[in-house]
Amino acid sequence: VSGTLDTAGVRIQWENGHVWTLKERKHGCSPPAPPSLAPRCRDDPTYMDAGYTCADWVGYKCSAGGGGINTQAQVDLLMHSCPESCSEVEPACPPSPPSAAP
């Protein structure tokens, strides 16, 4: 989501939740990078975007997006949220504890 607002003689722009003034933008300032998301082991059962859940992406190459998943932010969230379903994502599961010897 992005936009521009003129208020009290100051132009404010926003994009993907980051806000800056036009003066900052003119001087080459960019919004700070969003925090990186911790890798997931399992699909997020609450994920839904453009009407799709992780189950709808099983076996698909999620990095290509599609079906209303068009922005890089949407693709990134899809790949983060659905590591089991997206064919090119490796789930980041902790190692299994060693089995007890009999």
PDB file of N, CA and C in Angstrom:
ATOM      1  N   VAL A   1       0.853  -1.165   0.000  1.00  0.00           N
ATOM      2  CA  VAL A   1       0.000   0.000   0.000  1.00  0.00           C
ATOM      3  C   VAL A   1       0.895   1.223   0.000  1.00  0.00           C
ATOM      4  N   SER A   2       0.579   2.166  -0.845  1.00  0.00           N
ATOM      5  CA  SER A   2       1.378   3.375  -0.877  1.00  0.00           C
ATOM      6  C   SER A   2       0.471   4.564  -1.143  1.00  0.00           C
ATOM      7  N   GLY A   3       0.982   5.756  -0.906  1.00  0.00           N
ATOM      8  CA  GLY A   3       0.197   6.950  -1.165  1.00  0.00           C
ATOM      9  C   GLY A   3       0.957   8.194  -0.779  1.00  0.00           C
ATOM     10  N   THR A   4       0.330   9.324  -1.005  1.00  0.00           N
ATOM     11  CA  THR A   4       0.914  10.624  -0.694  1.00  0.00           C
ATOM     12  C   THR A   4      -0.161  11.485  -0.049  1.00  0.00           C
ATOM     13  N   LEU A   5       0.235  12.273   0.935  1.00  0.00           N
ATOM     14  CA  LEU A   5      -0.679  13.164   1.630  1.00  0.00           C
ATOM     15  C   LEU A   5       0.013  14.495   1.819  1.00  0.00           C
ATOM     16  N   ASP A   6      -0.657  15.589   1.425  1.00  0.00           N
ATOM     17  CA  ASP A   6      -0.130  16.928   1.674  1.00  0.00           C
ATOM     18  C   ASP A   6      -0.852  17.482   2.898  1.00  0.00           C
ATOM     19  N   THR A   7      -0.077  17.828   3.910  1.00  0.00           N
ATOM     20  CA  THR A   7      -0.682  18.380   5.108  1.00  0.00           C
ATOM     21  C   THR A   7       0.215  19.486   5.669  1.00  0.00           C
ATOM     22  N   ALA A   8      -0.354  20.604   5.958  1.00  0.00           N
ATOM     23  CA  ALA A   8       0.363  21.756   6.531  1.00  0.00           C
ATOM     24  C   ALA A   8       1.627  22.073   5.746  1.00  0.00           C
ATOM     25  N   GLY A   9       1.542  21.974   4.403  1.00  0.00           N
ATOM     26  CA  GLY A   9       2.686  22.313   3.570  1.00  0.00           C
ATOM     27  C   GLY A   9       3.775  21.255   3.517  1.00  0.00           C
ATOM     28  N   VAL A  10       3.556  20.110   4.141  1.00  0.00           N
ATOM     29  CA  VAL A  10       4.549  19.032   4.125  1.00  0.00           C
ATOM     30  C   VAL A  10       3.934  17.845   3.408  1.00  0.00           C
ATOM     31  N   ARG A  11       4.625  17.376   2.399  1.00  0.00           N
ATOM     32  CA  ARG A  11       4.143  16.202   1.668  1.00  0.00           C
ATOM     33  C   ARG A  11       4.684  14.956   2.364  1.00  0.00           C
ATOM     34  N   ILE A  12       3.787  14.061   2.696  1.00  0.00           N
ATOM     35  CA  ILE A  12       4.160  12.813   3.370  1.00  0.00           C
ATOM     36  C   ILE A  12       3.817  11.664   2.437  1.00  0.00           C
ATOM     37  N   GLN A  13       4.753  10.743   2.281  1.00  0.00           N
ATOM     38  CA  GLN A  13       4.518   9.565   1.464  1.00  0.00           C
ATOM     39  C   GLN A  13       4.594   8.332   2.347  1.00  0.00           C
ATOM     40  N   TRP A  14       3.875   7.287   1.960  1.00  0.00           N
ATOM     41  CA  TRP A  14       3.975   6.024   2.678  1.00  0.00           C
ATOM     42  C   TRP A  14       3.954   4.886   1.687  1.00  0.00           C
ATOM     43  N   GLU A  15       4.606   3.814   2.095  1.00  0.00           N
ATOM     44  CA  GLU A  15       4.690   2.636   1.252  1.00  0.00           C
ATOM     45  C   GLU A  15       4.971   1.446   2.164  1.00  0.00           C
ATOM     46  N   ASN A  16       4.144   0.416   2.054  1.00  0.00           N
ATOM     47  CA  ASN A  16       4.320  -0.805   2.846  1.00  0.00           C
ATOM     48  C   ASN A  16       4.492  -0.513   4.333  1.00  0.00           C
ATOM     49  N   GLY A  17       3.716   0.417   4.864  1.00  0.00           N
ATOM     50  CA  GLY A  17       3.737   0.702   6.291  1.00  0.00           C
ATOM     51  C   GLY A  17       4.833   1.661   6.737  1.00  0.00           C
ATOM     52  N   HIS A  18       5.688   2.129   5.837  1.00  0.00           N
ATOM     53  CA  HIS A  18       6.746   3.055   6.187  1.00  0.00           C
ATOM     54  C   HIS A  18       6.354   4.452   5.714  1.00  0.00           C
ATOM     55  N   VAL A  19       6.643   5.450   6.539  1.00  0.00           N
ATOM     56  CA  VAL A  19       6.254   6.824   6.238  1.00  0.00           C
ATOM     57  C   VAL A  19       7.497   7.700   6.219  1.00  0.00           C
ATOM     58  N   TRP A  20       7.568   8.606   5.266  1.00  0.00           N
ATOM     59  CA  TRP A  20       8.646   9.576   5.234  1.00  0.00           C
ATOM     60  C   TRP A  20       8.159  10.825   4.533  1.00  0.00           C
ATOM     61  N   THR A  21       8.847  11.951   4.789  1.00  0.00           N
ATOM     62  CA  THR A  21       8.463  13.195   4.144  1.00  0.00           C
ATOM     63  C   THR A  21       9.111  13.260   2.771  1.00  0.00           C
ATOM     64  N   LEU A  22       8.561  14.089   1.906  1.00  0.00           N
ATOM     65  CA  LEU A  22       9.104  14.243   0.569  1.00  0.00           C
ATOM     66  C   LEU A  22      10.554  14.731   0.646  1.00  0.00           C
ATOM     67  N   LYS A  23      10.860  15.591   1.611  1.00  0.00           N
ATOM     68  CA  LYS A  23      12.230  16.089   1.777  1.00  0.00           C
ATOM     69  C   LYS A  23      13.183  14.924   2.024  1.00  0.00           C
ATOM     70  N   GLU A  24      12.818  13.992   2.891  1.00  0.00           N
ATOM     71  CA  GLU A  24      13.665  12.825   3.147  1.00  0.00           C
ATOM     72  C   GLU A  24      13.834  12.004   1.876  1.00  0.00           C
ATOM     73  N   ARG A  25      12.760  11.835   1.123  1.00  0.00           N
ATOM     74  CA  ARG A  25      12.800  11.035  -0.105  1.00  0.00           C
ATOM     75  C   ARG A  25      13.710  11.688  -1.149  1.00  0.00           C
ATOM     76  N   LYS A  26      13.661  13.048  -1.258  1.00  0.00           N
ATOM     77  CA  LYS A  26      14.504  13.764  -2.216  1.00  0.00           C
ATOM     78  C   LYS A  26      15.985  13.553  -1.922  1.00  0.00           C
ATOM     79  N   HIS A  27      16.325  13.428  -0.654  1.00  0.00           N
ATOM     80  CA  HIS A  27      17.723  13.276  -0.266  1.00  0.00           C
ATOM     81  C   HIS A  27      18.166  11.817  -0.283  1.00  0.00           C
ATOM     82  N   GLY A  28      17.382  10.971  -0.908  1.00  0.00           N
ATOM     83  CA  GLY A  28      17.791   9.585  -1.070  1.00  0.00           C
ATOM     84  C   GLY A  28      17.484   8.681   0.106  1.00  0.00           C
ATOM     85  N   CYS A  29      16.783   9.201   1.089  1.00  0.00           N
ATOM     86  CA  CYS A  29      16.430   8.336   2.212  1.00  0.00           C
ATOM     87  C   CYS A  29      15.346   7.361   1.758  1.00  0.00           C
ATOM     88  N   SER A  30      15.461   6.155   2.151  1.00  0.00           N
ATOM     89  CA  SER A  30      14.416   5.184   1.867  1.00  0.00           C
ATOM     90  C   SER A  30      13.859   4.693   3.183  1.00  0.00           C
ATOM     91  N   PRO A  31      12.704   4.114   3.118  1.00  0.00           N
ATOM     92  CA  PRO A  31      12.158   3.573   4.352  1.00  0.00           C
ATOM     93  C   PRO A  31      13.051   2.446   4.859  1.00  0.00           C
ATOM     94  N   PRO A  32      13.086   2.226   6.162  1.00  0.00           N
ATOM     95  CA  PRO A  32      13.921   1.153   6.688  1.00  0.00           C
ATOM     96  C   PRO A  32      13.420  -0.201   6.188  1.00  0.00           C
ATOM     97  N   ALA A  33      14.329  -1.128   6.068  1.00  0.00           N
ATOM     98  CA  ALA A  33      13.951  -2.476   5.631  1.00  0.00           C
ATOM     99  C   ALA A  33      13.069  -3.107   6.698  1.00  0.00           C
ATOM    100  N   PRO A  34      12.064  -3.858   6.272  1.00  0.00           N
ATOM    101  CA  PRO A  34      11.224  -4.515   7.267  1.00  0.00           C
ATOM    102  C   PRO A  34      12.038  -5.570   8.003  1.00  0.00           C
ATOM    103  N   PRO A  35      11.659  -5.871   9.234  1.00  0.00           N
ATOM    104  CA  PRO A  35      12.414  -6.885   9.973  1.00  0.00           C
ATOM    105  C   PRO A  35      12.281  -8.231   9.275  1.00  0.00           C
ATOM    106  N   SER A  36      13.353  -9.011   9.309  1.00  0.00           N
ATOM    107  CA  SER A  36      13.273 -10.324   8.685  1.00  0.00           C
ATOM    108  C   SER A  36      12.450 -11.248   9.586  1.00  0.00           C
ATOM    109  N   LEU A  37      11.771 -12.158   8.956  1.00  0.00           N
ATOM    110  CA  LEU A  37      10.913 -13.079   9.684  1.00  0.00           C
ATOM    111  C   LEU A  37      11.695 -14.341  10.009  1.00  0.00           C
ATOM    112  N   ALA A  38      11.497 -14.859  11.206  1.00  0.00           N
ATOM    113  CA  ALA A  38      12.166 -16.102  11.592  1.00  0.00           C
ATOM    114  C   ALA A  38      11.642 -17.241  10.717  1.00  0.00           C
ATOM    115  N   PRO A  39      12.517 -18.134  10.292  1.00  0.00           N
ATOM    116  CA  PRO A  39      12.069 -19.248   9.457  1.00  0.00           C
ATOM    117  C   PRO A  39      11.040 -20.105  10.195  1.00  0.00           C
ATOM    118  N   ARG A  40      10.172 -20.721   9.425  1.00  0.00           N
ATOM    119  CA  ARG A  40       9.111 -21.556  10.002  1.00  0.00           C
ATOM    120  C   ARG A  40       9.364 -23.014   9.662  1.00  0.00           C
ATOM    121  N   CYS A  41       8.864 -23.880  10.524  1.00  0.00           N
ATOM    122  CA  CYS A  41       8.945 -25.318  10.308  1.00  0.00           C
ATOM    123  C   CYS A  41       7.648 -25.841   9.687  1.00  0.00           C
ATOM    124  N   ARG A  42       6.550 -25.286  10.068  1.00  0.00           N
ATOM    125  CA  ARG A  42       5.232 -25.755   9.627  1.00  0.00           C
ATOM    126  C   ARG A  42       4.465 -24.617   8.961  1.00  0.00           C
ATOM    127  N   ASP A  43       3.495 -24.979   8.128  1.00  0.00           N
ATOM    128  CA  ASP A  43       2.610 -23.987   7.524  1.00  0.00           C
ATOM    129  C   ASP A  43       1.813 -23.272   8.607  1.00  0.00           C
ATOM    130  N   ASP A  44       1.579 -22.000   8.403  1.00  0.00           N
ATOM    131  CA  ASP A  44       0.790 -21.181   9.326  1.00  0.00           C
ATOM    132  C   ASP A  44      -0.693 -21.422   9.037  1.00  0.00           C
ATOM    133  N   PRO A  45      -1.411 -22.027   9.974  1.00  0.00           N
ATOM    134  CA  PRO A  45      -2.828 -22.318   9.730  1.00  0.00           C
ATOM    135  C   PRO A  45      -3.699 -21.069   9.620  1.00  0.00           C
ATOM    136  N   THR A  46      -3.175 -19.902  10.021  1.00  0.00           N
ATOM    137  CA  THR A  46      -3.961 -18.672   9.943  1.00  0.00           C
ATOM    138  C   THR A  46      -3.660 -17.866   8.686  1.00  0.00           C
ATOM    139  N   TYR A  47      -2.683 -18.309   7.883  1.00  0.00           N
ATOM    140  CA  TYR A  47      -2.325 -17.553   6.683  1.00  0.00           C
ATOM    141  C   TYR A  47      -3.481 -17.559   5.682  1.00  0.00           C
ATOM    142  N   MET A  48      -3.797 -16.385   5.161  1.00  0.00           N
ATOM    143  CA  MET A  48      -4.738 -16.247   4.056  1.00  0.00           C
ATOM    144  C   MET A  48      -4.436 -14.935   3.361  1.00  0.00           C
ATOM    145  N   ASP A  49      -4.318 -15.002   2.041  1.00  0.00           N
ATOM    146  CA  ASP A  49      -4.125 -13.801   1.244  1.00  0.00           C
ATOM    147  C   ASP A  49      -4.804 -14.035  -0.095  1.00  0.00           C
ATOM    148  N   ALA A  50      -5.520 -13.060  -0.551  1.00  0.00           N
ATOM    149  CA  ALA A  50      -6.248 -13.127  -1.829  1.00  0.00           C
ATOM    150  C   ALA A  50      -7.178 -14.331  -1.861  1.00  0.00           C
ATOM    151  N   GLY A  51      -7.663 -14.738  -0.684  1.00  0.00           N
ATOM    152  CA  GLY A  51      -8.594 -15.861  -0.603  1.00  0.00           C
ATOM    153  C   GLY A  51      -7.937 -17.228  -0.563  1.00  0.00           C
ATOM    154  N   TYR A  52      -6.599 -17.286  -0.537  1.00  0.00           N
ATOM    155  CA  TYR A  52      -5.878 -18.554  -0.540  1.00  0.00           C
ATOM    156  C   TYR A  52      -5.227 -18.837   0.801  1.00  0.00           C
ATOM    157  N   THR A  53      -5.234 -20.096   1.194  1.00  0.00           N
ATOM    158  CA  THR A  53      -4.521 -20.560   2.381  1.00  0.00           C
ATOM    159  C   THR A  53      -3.300 -21.350   1.919  1.00  0.00           C
ATOM    160  N   CYS A  54      -2.482 -21.771   2.847  1.00  0.00           N
ATOM    161  CA  CYS A  54      -1.308 -22.578   2.489  1.00  0.00           C
ATOM    162  C   CYS A  54      -1.720 -23.840   1.744  1.00  0.00           C
ATOM    163  N   ALA A  55      -2.819 -24.460   2.148  1.00  0.00           N
ATOM    164  CA  ALA A  55      -3.268 -25.701   1.507  1.00  0.00           C
ATOM    165  C   ALA A  55      -3.508 -25.513   0.011  1.00  0.00           C
ATOM    166  N   ASP A  56      -3.858 -24.307  -0.398  1.00  0.00           N
ATOM    167  CA  ASP A  56      -4.090 -24.034  -1.822  1.00  0.00           C
ATOM    168  C   ASP A  56      -2.793 -23.978  -2.629  1.00  0.00           C
ATOM    169  N   TRP A  57      -1.657 -23.884  -1.954  1.00  0.00           N
ATOM    170  CA  TRP A  57      -0.365 -23.750  -2.629  1.00  0.00           C
ATOM    171  C   TRP A  57       0.450 -25.037  -2.621  1.00  0.00           C
ATOM    172  N   VAL A  58      -0.086 -26.137  -2.101  1.00  0.00           N
ATOM    173  CA  VAL A  58       0.668 -27.388  -2.011  1.00  0.00           C
ATOM    174  C   VAL A  58       1.207 -27.775  -3.388  1.00  0.00           C
ATOM    175  N   GLY A  59       2.535 -27.942  -3.449  1.00  0.00           N
ATOM    176  CA  GLY A  59       3.194 -28.371  -4.676  1.00  0.00           C
ATOM    177  C   GLY A  59       3.490 -27.275  -5.678  1.00  0.00           C
ATOM    178  N   TYR A  60       3.017 -26.070  -5.443  1.00  0.00           N
ATOM    179  CA  TYR A  60       3.258 -24.966  -6.385  1.00  0.00           C
ATOM    180  C   TYR A  60       4.555 -24.235  -6.044  1.00  0.00           C
ATOM    181  N   LYS A  61       5.138 -23.605  -7.062  1.00  0.00           N
ATOM    182  CA  LYS A  61       6.309 -22.760  -6.880  1.00  0.00           C
ATOM    183  C   LYS A  61       5.813 -21.381  -6.450  1.00  0.00           C
ATOM    184  N   CYS A  62       5.823 -21.144  -5.155  1.00  0.00           N
ATOM    185  CA  CYS A  62       5.240 -19.925  -4.590  1.00  0.00           C
ATOM    186  C   CYS A  62       5.978 -18.659  -4.996  1.00  0.00           C
ATOM    187  N   SER A  63       7.256 -18.758  -5.318  1.00  0.00           N
ATOM    188  CA  SER A  63       8.034 -17.566  -5.664  1.00  0.00           C
ATOM    189  C   SER A  63       7.513 -16.893  -6.931  1.00  0.00           C
ATOM    190  N   ALA A  64       6.722 -17.609  -7.725  1.00  0.00           N
ATOM    191  CA  ALA A  64       6.134 -17.023  -8.929  1.00  0.00           C
ATOM    192  C   ALA A  64       4.875 -16.227  -8.609  1.00  0.00           C
ATOM    193  N   GLY A  65       4.313 -16.411  -7.418  1.00  0.00           N
ATOM    194  CA  GLY A  65       3.079 -15.720  -7.058  1.00  0.00           C
ATOM    195  C   GLY A  65       1.947 -16.131  -7.983  1.00  0.00           C
ATOM    196  N   GLY A  66       0.985 -15.243  -8.137  1.00  0.00           N
ATOM    197  CA  GLY A  66      -0.162 -15.506  -8.998  1.00  0.00           C
ATOM    198  C   GLY A  66      -1.446 -15.522  -8.191  1.00  0.00           C
ATOM    199  N   GLY A  67      -2.572 -15.505  -8.909  1.00  0.00           N
ATOM    200  CA  GLY A  67      -3.870 -15.566  -8.241  1.00  0.00           C
ATOM    201  C   GLY A  67      -4.111 -14.448  -7.255  1.00  0.00           C
ATOM    202  N   GLY A  68      -3.601 -13.258  -7.547  1.00  0.00           N
ATOM    203  CA  GLY A  68      -3.785 -12.133  -6.624  1.00  0.00           C
ATOM    204  C   GLY A  68      -2.597 -11.920  -5.705  1.00  0.00           C
ATOM    205  N   ILE A  69      -1.642 -12.839  -5.685  1.00  0.00           N
ATOM    206  CA  ILE A  69      -0.397 -12.662  -4.928  1.00  0.00           C
ATOM    207  C   ILE A  69       0.584 -12.050  -5.927  1.00  0.00           C
ATOM    208  N   ASN A  70       0.637 -10.718  -5.953  1.00  0.00           N
ATOM    209  CA  ASN A  70       1.349 -10.018  -7.019  1.00  0.00           C
ATOM    210  C   ASN A  70       2.574  -9.233  -6.570  1.00  0.00           C
ATOM    211  N   THR A  71       2.593  -8.768  -5.341  1.00  0.00           N
ATOM    212  CA  THR A  71       3.710  -7.939  -4.896  1.00  0.00           C
ATOM    213  C   THR A  71       4.788  -8.807  -4.260  1.00  0.00           C
ATOM    214  N   GLN A  72       6.000  -8.284  -4.210  1.00  0.00           N
ATOM    215  CA  GLN A  72       7.094  -9.025  -3.576  1.00  0.00           C
ATOM    216  C   GLN A  72       6.794  -9.266  -2.102  1.00  0.00           C
ATOM    217  N   ALA A  73       6.168  -8.298  -1.439  1.00  0.00           N
ATOM    218  CA  ALA A  73       5.822  -8.474  -0.022  1.00  0.00           C
ATOM    219  C   ALA A  73       4.838  -9.633   0.149  1.00  0.00           C
ATOM    220  N   GLN A  74       3.870  -9.756  -0.757  1.00  0.00           N
ATOM    221  CA  GLN A  74       2.909 -10.863  -0.681  1.00  0.00           C
ATOM    222  C   GLN A  74       3.604 -12.204  -0.918  1.00  0.00           C
ATOM    223  N   VAL A  75       4.494 -12.250  -1.908  1.00  0.00           N
ATOM    224  CA  VAL A  75       5.228 -13.489  -2.203  1.00  0.00           C
ATOM    225  C   VAL A  75       6.108 -13.870  -1.019  1.00  0.00           C
ATOM    226  N   ASP A  76       6.801 -12.884  -0.451  1.00  0.00           N
ATOM    227  CA  ASP A  76       7.662 -13.156   0.704  1.00  0.00           C
ATOM    228  C   ASP A  76       6.861 -13.716   1.868  1.00  0.00           C
ATOM    229  N   LEU A  77       5.701 -13.120   2.141  1.00  0.00           N
ATOM    230  CA  LEU A  77       4.871 -13.600   3.235  1.00  0.00           C
ATOM    231  C   LEU A  77       4.345 -15.004   2.946  1.00  0.00           C
ATOM    232  N   LEU A  78       3.941 -15.262   1.711  1.00  0.00           N
ATOM    233  CA  LEU A  78       3.475 -16.591   1.324  1.00  0.00           C
ATOM    234  C   LEU A  78       4.564 -17.627   1.555  1.00  0.00           C
ATOM    235  N   MET A  79       5.770 -17.357   1.077  1.00  0.00           N
ATOM    236  CA  MET A  79       6.860 -18.318   1.216  1.00  0.00           C
ATOM    237  C   MET A  79       7.263 -18.510   2.672  1.00  0.00           C
ATOM    238  N   HIS A  80       7.172 -17.456   3.464  1.00  0.00           N
ATOM    239  CA  HIS A  80       7.468 -17.565   4.892  1.00  0.00           C
ATOM    240  C   HIS A  80       6.380 -18.363   5.610  1.00  0.00           C
ATOM    241  N   SER A  81       5.138 -18.094   5.267  1.00  0.00           N
ATOM    242  CA  SER A  81       4.013 -18.693   5.984  1.00  0.00           C
ATOM    243  C   SER A  81       3.745 -20.140   5.606  1.00  0.00           C
ATOM    244  N   CYS A  82       4.174 -20.560   4.420  1.00  0.00           N
ATOM    245  CA  CYS A  82       3.800 -21.881   3.897  1.00  0.00           C
ATOM    246  C   CYS A  82       5.018 -22.705   3.483  1.00  0.00           C
ATOM    247  N   PRO A  83       5.969 -22.950   4.393  1.00  0.00           N
ATOM    248  CA  PRO A  83       7.178 -23.673   3.991  1.00  0.00           C
ATOM    249  C   PRO A  83       6.918 -25.132   3.613  1.00  0.00           C
ATOM    250  N   GLU A  84       5.894 -25.736   4.158  1.00  0.00           N
ATOM    251  CA  GLU A  84       5.581 -27.125   3.803  1.00  0.00           C
ATOM    252  C   GLU A  84       4.889 -27.199   2.448  1.00  0.00           C
ATOM    253  N   SER A  85       4.074 -26.232   2.141  1.00  0.00           N
ATOM    254  CA  SER A  85       3.275 -26.262   0.914  1.00  0.00           C
ATOM    255  C   SER A  85       4.042 -25.799  -0.315  1.00  0.00           C
ATOM    256  N   CYS A  86       4.850 -24.756  -0.183  1.00  0.00           N
ATOM    257  CA  CYS A  86       5.587 -24.202  -1.329  1.00  0.00           C
ATOM    258  C   CYS A  86       6.690 -25.171  -1.750  1.00  0.00           C
ATOM    259  N   SER A  87       6.683 -25.534  -3.019  1.00  0.00           N
ATOM    260  CA  SER A  87       7.597 -26.581  -3.482  1.00  0.00           C
ATOM    261  C   SER A  87       9.075 -26.210  -3.378  1.00  0.00           C
ATOM    262  N   GLU A  88       9.404 -24.915  -3.438  1.00  0.00           N
ATOM    263  CA  GLU A  88      10.811 -24.532  -3.430  1.00  0.00           C
ATOM    264  C   GLU A  88      11.308 -24.054  -2.069  1.00  0.00           C
ATOM    265  N   VAL A  89      10.481 -24.185  -1.031  1.00  0.00           N
ATOM    266  CA  VAL A  89      10.872 -23.741   0.304  1.00  0.00           C
ATOM    267  C   VAL A  89      11.212 -24.960   1.161  1.00  0.00           C
ATOM    268  N   GLU A  90      12.327 -24.874   1.858  1.00  0.00           N
ATOM    269  CA  GLU A  90      12.742 -25.929   2.775  1.00  0.00           C
ATOM    270  C   GLU A  90      12.303 -25.514   4.181  1.00  0.00           C
ATOM    271  N   PRO A  91      11.388 -26.273   4.806  1.00  0.00           N
ATOM    272  CA  PRO A  91      10.984 -25.920   6.175  1.00  0.00           C
ATOM    273  C   PRO A  91      12.187 -25.898   7.105  1.00  0.00           C
ATOM    274  N   ALA A  92      12.239 -24.917   7.983  1.00  0.00           N
ATOM    275  CA  ALA A  92      13.355 -24.756   8.921  1.00  0.00           C
ATOM    276  C   ALA A  92      12.975 -25.373  10.257  1.00  0.00           C
ATOM    277  N   CYS A  93      13.026 -26.700  10.311  1.00  0.00           N
ATOM    278  CA  CYS A  93      12.654 -27.420  11.543  1.00  0.00           C
ATOM    279  C   CYS A  93      13.888 -27.685  12.389  1.00  0.00           C
ATOM    280  N   PRO A  94      13.742 -27.592  13.713  1.00  0.00           N
ATOM    281  CA  PRO A  94      14.880 -27.907  14.577  1.00  0.00           C
ATOM    282  C   PRO A  94      15.196 -29.404  14.456  1.00  0.00           C
ATOM    283  N   PRO A  95      16.444 -29.771  14.702  1.00  0.00           N
ATOM    284  CA  PRO A  95      16.791 -31.182  14.623  1.00  0.00           C
ATOM    285  C   PRO A  95      16.006 -31.991  15.658  1.00  0.00           C
ATOM    286  N   SER A  96      15.724 -33.228  15.304  1.00  0.00           N
ATOM    287  CA  SER A  96      15.023 -34.118  16.237  1.00  0.00           C
ATOM    288  C   SER A  96      15.964 -34.481  17.374  1.00  0.00           C
ATOM    289  N   PRO A  97      15.420 -34.622  18.591  1.00  0.00           N
ATOM    290  CA  PRO A  97      16.286 -35.023  19.709  1.00  0.00           C
ATOM    291  C   PRO A  97      16.773 -36.457  19.468  1.00  0.00           C
ATOM    292  N   PRO A  98      17.964 -36.771  19.954  1.00  0.00           N
ATOM    293  CA  PRO A  98      18.469 -38.130  19.758  1.00  0.00           C
ATOM    294  C   PRO A  98      17.557 -39.136  20.465  1.00  0.00           C
ATOM    295  N   SER A  99      17.412 -40.289  19.850  1.00  0.00           N
ATOM    296  CA  SER A  99      16.557 -41.311  20.473  1.00  0.00           C
ATOM    297  C   SER A  99      17.300 -41.962  21.622  1.00  0.00           C
ATOM    298  N   ALA A 100      16.548 -42.350  22.611  1.00  0.00           N
ATOM    299  CA  ALA A 100      17.139 -42.989  23.804  1.00  0.00           C
ATOM    300  C   ALA A 100      17.566 -44.408  23.441  1.00  0.00           C
ATOM    301  N   ALA A 101      18.737 -44.782  23.876  1.00  0.00           N
ATOM    302  CA  ALA A 101      19.219 -46.151  23.603  1.00  0.00           C
ATOM    303  C   ALA A 101      18.509 -47.124  24.525  1.00  0.00           C
ATOM    304  N   PRO A 102      18.138 -48.315  23.996  1.00  0.00           N
ATOM    305  CA  PRO A 102      17.431 -49.298  24.874  1.00  0.00           C
ATOM    306  C   PRO A 102      18.324 -49.866  25.936  1.00  0.00           C
TER     307      PRO A 102
END
